[in-house]
């Protein structure tokens, strides 16, 4: 006998429209999207610089290639999470909260560890960390948490 499964789309949890329309929530969402857009631009710019400087093996190592690629992918995922969060998707809000905090911690570790990456990449990562710290603060604010509070979180 076949059992019926529900698709993930049918279990989608949306934040109430009235809570999303609150001015503080709207301001936090705008700030989040702007900060993430800057994060994406900085990440893509860094990867472009890595490509341009690829023949300078003293400043572009294998680890730099890997890190720059991972950061671009993570920034694009966060942009997707932010866009879906702005449309009220609770799961994307949770993903945005978790990924922004995790990436901020990872960046802090990378910047703090001696000798792992060239100084120029650590400066770029510190700038990314500042942007992500802004995201962490915005998405974890009381108003945003209230807007997305529910059984899914």
Protein backbone atom coordinates (compact mmCIF):
# COMPACT_ATOMS: atom_id res chain seq x y z
CA UNK A 1 0.00 0.00 0.00
CA UNK A 2 1.42 3.38 -0.97
CA UNK A 3 1.67 6.09 1.63
CA UNK A 4 1.19 9.67 0.76
CA UNK A 5 4.05 12.03 1.53
CA UNK A 6 3.71 15.74 1.87
CA UNK A 7 6.04 17.85 -0.16
CA UNK A 8 8.33 20.35 1.58
CA UNK A 9 6.42 23.16 -0.08
CA UNK A 10 3.21 22.11 1.62
CA UNK A 11 4.83 22.43 5.06
CA UNK A 12 6.22 25.90 4.36
CA UNK A 13 5.80 28.26 7.28
CA UNK A 14 5.32 31.94 6.57
CA UNK A 15 5.52 34.80 9.02
CA UNK A 16 2.27 36.75 9.40
CA UNK A 17 2.08 39.62 6.91
CA UNK A 18 1.23 42.16 9.62
CA UNK A 19 4.38 41.33 11.57
CA UNK A 20 6.52 41.67 8.43
CA UNK A 21 5.04 45.07 7.66
CA UNK A 22 6.13 46.56 10.98
CA UNK A 23 8.53 49.49 10.30
CA UNK A 24 11.31 48.05 12.49
CA UNK A 25 11.10 44.68 10.75
CA UNK A 26 11.16 46.38 7.35
CA UNK A 27 14.19 48.45 8.41
CA UNK A 28 15.99 45.31 9.66
CA UNK A 29 15.21 43.47 6.43
CA UNK A 30 16.47 46.38 4.30
CA UNK A 31 19.66 46.60 6.37
CA UNK A 32 20.17 42.86 6.13
CA UNK A 33 19.76 42.82 2.36
CA UNK A 34 22.13 45.79 1.93
CA UNK A 35 24.79 44.27 4.17
CA UNK A 36 24.56 40.95 2.35
CA UNK A 37 24.72 42.72 -1.02
CA UNK A 38 27.97 44.36 0.14
CA UNK A 39 29.20 40.96 1.34
CA UNK A 40 28.44 39.43 -2.06
CA UNK A 41 30.15 42.31 -3.90
CA UNK A 42 33.24 42.12 -1.70
CA UNK A 43 33.40 38.33 -2.03
CA UNK A 44 33.01 38.35 -5.81
CA UNK A 45 35.54 41.19 -6.06
CA UNK A 46 38.00 39.20 -4.01
CA UNK A 47 37.57 36.13 -6.20
CA UNK A 48 38.09 38.34 -9.27
CA UNK A 49 41.31 39.69 -7.71
CA UNK A 50 42.44 36.11 -7.03
CA UNK A 51 41.88 35.26 -10.69
CA UNK A 52 43.78 38.33 -11.86
CA UNK A 53 46.67 37.69 -9.45
CA UNK A 54 46.76 33.91 -9.96
CA UNK A 55 50.36 33.97 -11.21
CA UNK A 56 51.60 35.62 -8.00
CA UNK A 57 51.96 32.48 -5.90
CA UNK A 58 53.25 34.38 -2.90
CA UNK A 59 49.91 36.19 -2.46
CA UNK A 60 47.51 33.74 -4.10
CA UNK A 61 47.95 30.29 -2.59
CA UNK A 62 45.81 27.22 -2.97
CA UNK A 63 44.16 28.01 0.35
CA UNK A 64 43.26 31.48 -0.93
CA UNK A 65 41.54 29.96 -3.97
CA UNK A 66 39.53 27.59 -1.80
CA UNK A 67 38.57 30.22 0.78
CA UNK A 68 37.60 32.83 -1.83
CA UNK A 69 35.41 30.30 -3.66
CA UNK A 70 33.71 29.15 -0.46
CA UNK A 71 33.01 32.72 0.61
CA UNK A 72 31.41 33.58 -2.74
CA UNK A 73 29.18 30.50 -2.54
CA UNK A 74 28.23 31.27 1.08
CA UNK A 75 27.48 34.91 0.27
CA UNK A 76 25.19 33.92 -2.59
CA UNK A 77 23.38 31.43 -0.36
CA UNK A 78 22.91 34.12 2.27
CA UNK A 79 21.52 36.47 -0.37
CA UNK A 80 19.01 33.77 -1.25
CA UNK A 81 18.11 33.27 2.42
CA UNK A 82 17.67 37.03 2.87
CA UNK A 83 15.41 37.34 -0.17
CA UNK A 84 13.22 34.48 1.02
CA UNK A 85 13.22 35.84 4.58
CA UNK A 86 11.94 39.17 3.26
CA UNK A 87 9.05 37.25 1.71
CA UNK A 88 8.25 35.76 5.11
CA UNK A 89 9.79 32.28 4.88
CA UNK A 90 10.51 31.15 8.44
CA UNK A 91 12.97 28.41 7.47
CA UNK A 92 15.02 30.86 5.42
CA UNK A 93 15.04 33.21 8.39
CA UNK A 94 16.42 30.41 10.55
CA UNK A 95 19.01 29.53 7.89
CA UNK A 96 20.02 33.18 7.65
CA UNK A 97 20.44 33.45 11.41
CA UNK A 98 22.52 30.29 11.62
CA UNK A 99 24.67 30.83 8.53
CA UNK A 100 25.48 34.46 9.31
CA UNK A 101 26.55 33.58 12.85
CA UNK A 102 28.57 30.55 11.70
CA UNK A 103 30.34 32.50 8.99
CA UNK A 104 31.13 35.37 11.38
CA UNK A 105 32.74 32.88 13.79
CA UNK A 106 34.66 31.17 10.97
CA UNK A 107 35.96 34.54 9.80
CA UNK A 108 37.05 35.48 13.32
CA UNK A 109 39.03 32.23 13.52
CA UNK A 110 40.64 32.79 10.11
CA UNK A 111 41.65 36.33 10.99
CA UNK A 112 43.02 35.25 14.39
CA UNK A 113 45.08 32.24 13.26
CA UNK A 114 48.63 33.20 12.37
CA UNK A 115 50.13 32.18 9.05
CA UNK A 116 47.07 30.53 7.52
CA UNK A 117 46.34 33.15 4.88
CA UNK A 118 48.10 36.21 3.45
CA UNK A 119 47.53 39.51 5.27
CA UNK A 120 45.52 40.99 2.39
CA UNK A 121 42.98 38.16 2.58
CA UNK A 122 42.73 38.51 6.35
CA UNK A 123 41.91 42.21 5.91
CA UNK A 124 39.24 41.32 3.34
CA UNK A 125 37.86 38.64 5.64
CA UNK A 126 37.77 41.10 8.54
CA UNK A 127 35.69 43.45 6.36
CA UNK A 128 33.37 40.54 5.53
CA UNK A 129 33.17 39.77 9.24
CA UNK A 130 32.09 43.32 10.04
CA UNK A 131 29.35 43.10 7.40
CA UNK A 132 28.19 39.75 8.77
CA UNK A 133 28.23 41.05 12.33
CA UNK A 134 25.74 43.69 11.14
CA UNK A 135 23.60 40.91 9.65
CA UNK A 136 23.78 38.89 12.88
CA UNK A 137 22.69 41.91 14.90
CA UNK A 138 19.86 42.78 12.50
CA UNK A 139 18.36 39.31 12.18
CA UNK A 140 18.62 38.52 15.88
CA UNK A 141 16.93 41.70 17.03
CA UNK A 142 13.83 41.44 19.18
CA UNK A 143 11.47 42.70 16.47
CA UNK A 144 12.76 40.24 13.85
CA UNK A 145 12.61 37.30 16.24
CA UNK A 146 9.05 38.26 17.16
CA UNK A 147 8.03 38.52 13.52
CA UNK A 148 9.22 34.98 12.86
CA UNK A 149 8.33 33.41 16.21
CA UNK A 150 6.32 30.27 15.89
CA UNK A 151 6.40 26.52 16.17
CA UNK A 152 8.92 26.16 13.30
CA UNK A 153 11.62 28.03 15.25
